C-alpha cells in the first residue's frame, strides 16, 4: 500500500471509530464514556485516552503510523519519512472527514 492510501484509510477508520461509533448508543458506549472522562481529566490521562479513541486525529495518526510500519516495513531514512508522511496525512485528513460526516448528519 502506498503512503497516501494508508493515510486516507486510517483517517476514515479513525473517524468511523472515534466519531461515528462513539456518537451512537452501542455496546461499546461505556468504553467511549470512560475515554471521555479520562480526556476531561487532563494530564497524563488525556495523553493515553486520545490515541486510543478519544480524538479522531490522534487515533488516525497512531493507526497510520503503525499500519505503515507493519505494511511497508523499512527503517531506512526514506522508510521512516514514509511512515511519518502516512501519519501526518491521516492527522490532516481526519478532521475534514469528521466535519463532512457531522455536516451530513445535520442535513438528514
C-alpha atoms as a PDB file:
ATOM      1  CA  UNK A   1       0.000   0.000   0.000  1.00  0.00           C
ATOM      2  CA  UNK A   2       1.156   3.494  -0.699  1.00  0.00           C
ATOM      3  CA  UNK A   3       1.635   6.135   1.938  1.00  0.00           C
ATOM      4  CA  UNK A   4      -1.385   8.082   0.710  1.00  0.00           C
ATOM      5  CA  UNK A   5      -3.630   5.006   0.765  1.00  0.00           C
ATOM      6  CA  UNK A   6      -2.603   4.217   4.331  1.00  0.00           C
ATOM      7  CA  UNK A   7      -3.200   7.822   5.395  1.00  0.00           C
ATOM      8  CA  UNK A   8      -6.682   8.069   3.878  1.00  0.00           C
ATOM      9  CA  UNK A   9      -7.771   4.610   5.029  1.00  0.00           C
ATOM     10  CA  UNK A  10      -6.548   5.315   8.551  1.00  0.00           C
ATOM     11  CA  UNK A  11      -8.386   8.640   8.628  1.00  0.00           C
ATOM     12  CA  UNK A  12     -11.662   7.007   7.545  1.00  0.00           C
ATOM     13  CA  UNK A  13     -11.268   4.198  10.077  1.00  0.00           C
ATOM     14  CA  UNK A  14     -10.440   6.674  12.854  1.00  0.00           C
ATOM     15  CA  UNK A  15     -13.486   8.821  12.111  1.00  0.00           C
ATOM     16  CA  UNK A  16     -15.726   5.762  11.973  1.00  0.00           C
ATOM     17  CA  UNK A  17     -14.343   4.623  15.322  1.00  0.00           C
ATOM     18  CA  UNK A  18     -13.882   7.863  17.274  1.00  0.00           C
ATOM     19  CA  UNK A  19     -16.802   9.878  15.865  1.00  0.00           C
ATOM     20  CA  UNK A  20     -19.460   7.631  14.358  1.00  0.00           C
ATOM     21  CA  UNK A  21     -19.387   4.676  16.752  1.00  0.00           C
ATOM     22  CA  UNK A  22     -18.643   6.906  19.748  1.00  0.00           C
ATOM     23  CA  UNK A  23     -21.697   9.027  18.938  1.00  0.00           C
ATOM     24  CA  UNK A  24     -24.102   6.103  18.782  1.00  0.00           C
ATOM     25  CA  UNK A  25     -25.632   4.041  21.561  1.00  0.00           C
ATOM     26  CA  UNK A  26     -23.781   0.755  21.111  1.00  0.00           C
ATOM     27  CA  UNK A  27     -22.464  -1.975  23.403  1.00  0.00           C
ATOM     28  CA  UNK A  28     -19.095  -0.173  23.420  1.00  0.00           C
ATOM     29  CA  UNK A  29     -20.575   3.102  24.719  1.00  0.00           C
ATOM     30  CA  UNK A  30     -19.115   2.556  28.221  1.00  0.00           C
ATOM     31  CA  UNK A  31     -15.646   2.432  26.640  1.00  0.00           C
ATOM     32  CA  UNK A  32     -16.144   5.823  24.991  1.00  0.00           C
ATOM     33  CA  UNK A  33     -17.623   7.346  28.167  1.00  0.00           C
ATOM     34  CA  UNK A  34     -14.531   6.154  30.045  1.00  0.00           C
ATOM     35  CA  UNK A  35     -12.283   7.691  27.365  1.00  0.00           C
ATOM     36  CA  UNK A  36     -14.198  10.977  27.632  1.00  0.00           C
ATOM     37  CA  UNK A  37     -13.732  11.041  31.408  1.00  0.00           C
ATOM     38  CA  UNK A  38     -10.005  10.375  31.002  1.00  0.00           C
ATOM     39  CA  UNK A  39      -9.692  13.096  28.367  1.00  0.00           C
ATOM     40  CA  UNK A  40     -11.549  15.637  30.509  1.00  0.00           C
ATOM     41  CA  UNK A  41      -9.326  14.830  33.497  1.00  0.00           C
ATOM     42  CA  UNK A  42      -6.374  16.173  31.511  1.00  0.00           C
ATOM     43  CA  UNK A  43      -2.739  15.487  32.210  1.00  0.00           C
ATOM     44  CA  UNK A  44      -1.305  12.061  31.521  1.00  0.00           C
ATOM     45  CA  UNK A  45      -4.785  10.551  31.227  1.00  0.00           C
ATOM     46  CA  UNK A  46      -5.584  12.561  28.116  1.00  0.00           C
ATOM     47  CA  UNK A  47      -2.227  11.538  26.655  1.00  0.00           C
ATOM     48  CA  UNK A  48      -3.402   7.945  26.924  1.00  0.00           C
ATOM     49  CA  UNK A  49      -7.078   8.458  26.025  1.00  0.00           C
ATOM     50  CA  UNK A  50      -6.555  10.497  22.870  1.00  0.00           C
ATOM     51  CA  UNK A  51      -4.580   7.994  20.776  1.00  0.00           C
ATOM     52  CA  UNK A  52      -6.823   5.066  21.752  1.00  0.00           C
ATOM     53  CA  UNK A  53     -10.061   6.653  20.614  1.00  0.00           C
ATOM     54  CA  UNK A  54     -10.972   9.884  22.372  1.00  0.00           C
ATOM     55  CA  UNK A  55      -9.613  12.006  19.498  1.00  0.00           C
ATOM     56  CA  UNK A  56     -10.065  11.115  15.840  1.00  0.00           C
ATOM     57  CA  UNK A  57      -6.893  12.944  14.789  1.00  0.00           C
ATOM     58  CA  UNK A  58      -4.725  11.254  17.411  1.00  0.00           C
ATOM     59  CA  UNK A  59      -6.185   7.837  16.674  1.00  0.00           C
ATOM     60  CA  UNK A  60      -5.740   8.354  12.919  1.00  0.00           C
ATOM     61  CA  UNK A  61      -2.099   9.297  13.354  1.00  0.00           C
ATOM     62  CA  UNK A  62      -1.320   6.304  15.526  1.00  0.00           C
ATOM     63  CA  UNK A  63      -3.208   3.935  13.236  1.00  0.00           C
ATOM     64  CA  UNK A  64      -1.438   5.253  10.136  1.00  0.00           C
ATOM     65  CA  UNK A  65       2.000   5.204  11.735  1.00  0.00           C
ATOM     66  CA  UNK A  66       1.798   1.633  12.981  1.00  0.00           C
ATOM     67  CA  UNK A  67      -0.022   0.398   9.868  1.00  0.00           C
ATOM     68  CA  UNK A  68       2.659   1.896   7.666  1.00  0.00           C
ATOM     69  CA  UNK A  69       5.416   0.287   9.717  1.00  0.00           C
ATOM     70  CA  UNK A  70       3.701  -3.113   9.587  1.00  0.00           C
ATOM     71  CA  UNK A  71       2.679  -2.951   5.911  1.00  0.00           C
ATOM     72  CA  UNK A  72       5.680  -1.213   4.365  1.00  0.00           C
ATOM     73  CA  UNK A  73       8.404  -2.011   6.882  1.00  0.00           C
ATOM     74  CA  UNK A  74      11.718  -0.322   6.396  1.00  0.00           C
ATOM     75  CA  UNK A  75      13.781   1.550   8.913  1.00  0.00           C
ATOM     76  CA  UNK A  76      15.975   3.354   6.407  1.00  0.00           C
ATOM     77  CA  UNK A  77      15.582   7.166   6.270  1.00  0.00           C
ATOM     78  CA  UNK A  78      13.202   7.031   3.292  1.00  0.00           C
ATOM     79  CA  UNK A  79      11.053   4.410   5.030  1.00  0.00           C
ATOM     80  CA  UNK A  80      10.867   6.468   8.209  1.00  0.00           C
ATOM     81  CA  UNK A  81       9.851   9.539   6.212  1.00  0.00           C
ATOM     82  CA  UNK A  82       7.132   7.466   4.540  1.00  0.00           C
ATOM     83  CA  UNK A  83       5.803   6.344   7.919  1.00  0.00           C
ATOM     84  CA  UNK A  84       5.776   9.932   9.179  1.00  0.00           C
ATOM     85  CA  UNK A  85       4.094  11.105   5.968  1.00  0.00           C
ATOM     86  CA  UNK A  86       1.351   8.489   6.386  1.00  0.00           C
ATOM     87  CA  UNK A  87       0.738   9.577   9.978  1.00  0.00           C
ATOM     88  CA  UNK A  88       0.761  13.264   9.037  1.00  0.00           C
ATOM     89  CA  UNK A  89      -1.615  12.699   6.149  1.00  0.00           C
ATOM     90  CA  UNK A  90      -4.034  10.828   8.392  1.00  0.00           C
ATOM     91  CA  UNK A  91      -3.908  13.549  11.065  1.00  0.00           C
ATOM     92  CA  UNK A  92      -4.583  16.228   8.453  1.00  0.00           C
ATOM     93  CA  UNK A  93      -7.369  14.248   6.719  1.00  0.00           C
ATOM     94  CA  UNK A  94      -9.356  13.083   9.749  1.00  0.00           C
ATOM     95  CA  UNK A  95     -10.840  16.486  10.717  1.00  0.00           C
ATOM     96  CA  UNK A  96     -12.134  17.059   7.179  1.00  0.00           C
ATOM     97  CA  UNK A  97     -13.770  13.629   7.081  1.00  0.00           C
ATOM     98  CA  UNK A  98     -15.260  14.156  10.560  1.00  0.00           C
ATOM     99  CA  UNK A  99     -16.552  17.586   9.555  1.00  0.00           C
ATOM    100  CA  UNK A 100     -18.152  16.137   6.409  1.00  0.00           C
ATOM    101  CA  UNK A 101     -19.815  13.416   8.485  1.00  0.00           C
ATOM    102  CA  UNK A 102     -21.174  15.941  11.005  1.00  0.00           C
ATOM    103  CA  UNK A 103     -22.393  18.185   8.183  1.00  0.00           C
ATOM    104  CA  UNK A 104     -24.217  15.248   6.593  1.00  0.00           C
ATOM    105  CA  UNK A 105     -25.828  14.397   9.939  1.00  0.00           C
ATOM    106  CA  UNK A 106     -27.249  17.916  10.218  1.00  0.00           C
ATOM    107  CA  UNK A 107     -28.665  17.638   6.689  1.00  0.00           C
ATOM    108  CA  UNK A 108     -30.526  14.381   7.359  1.00  0.00           C
END
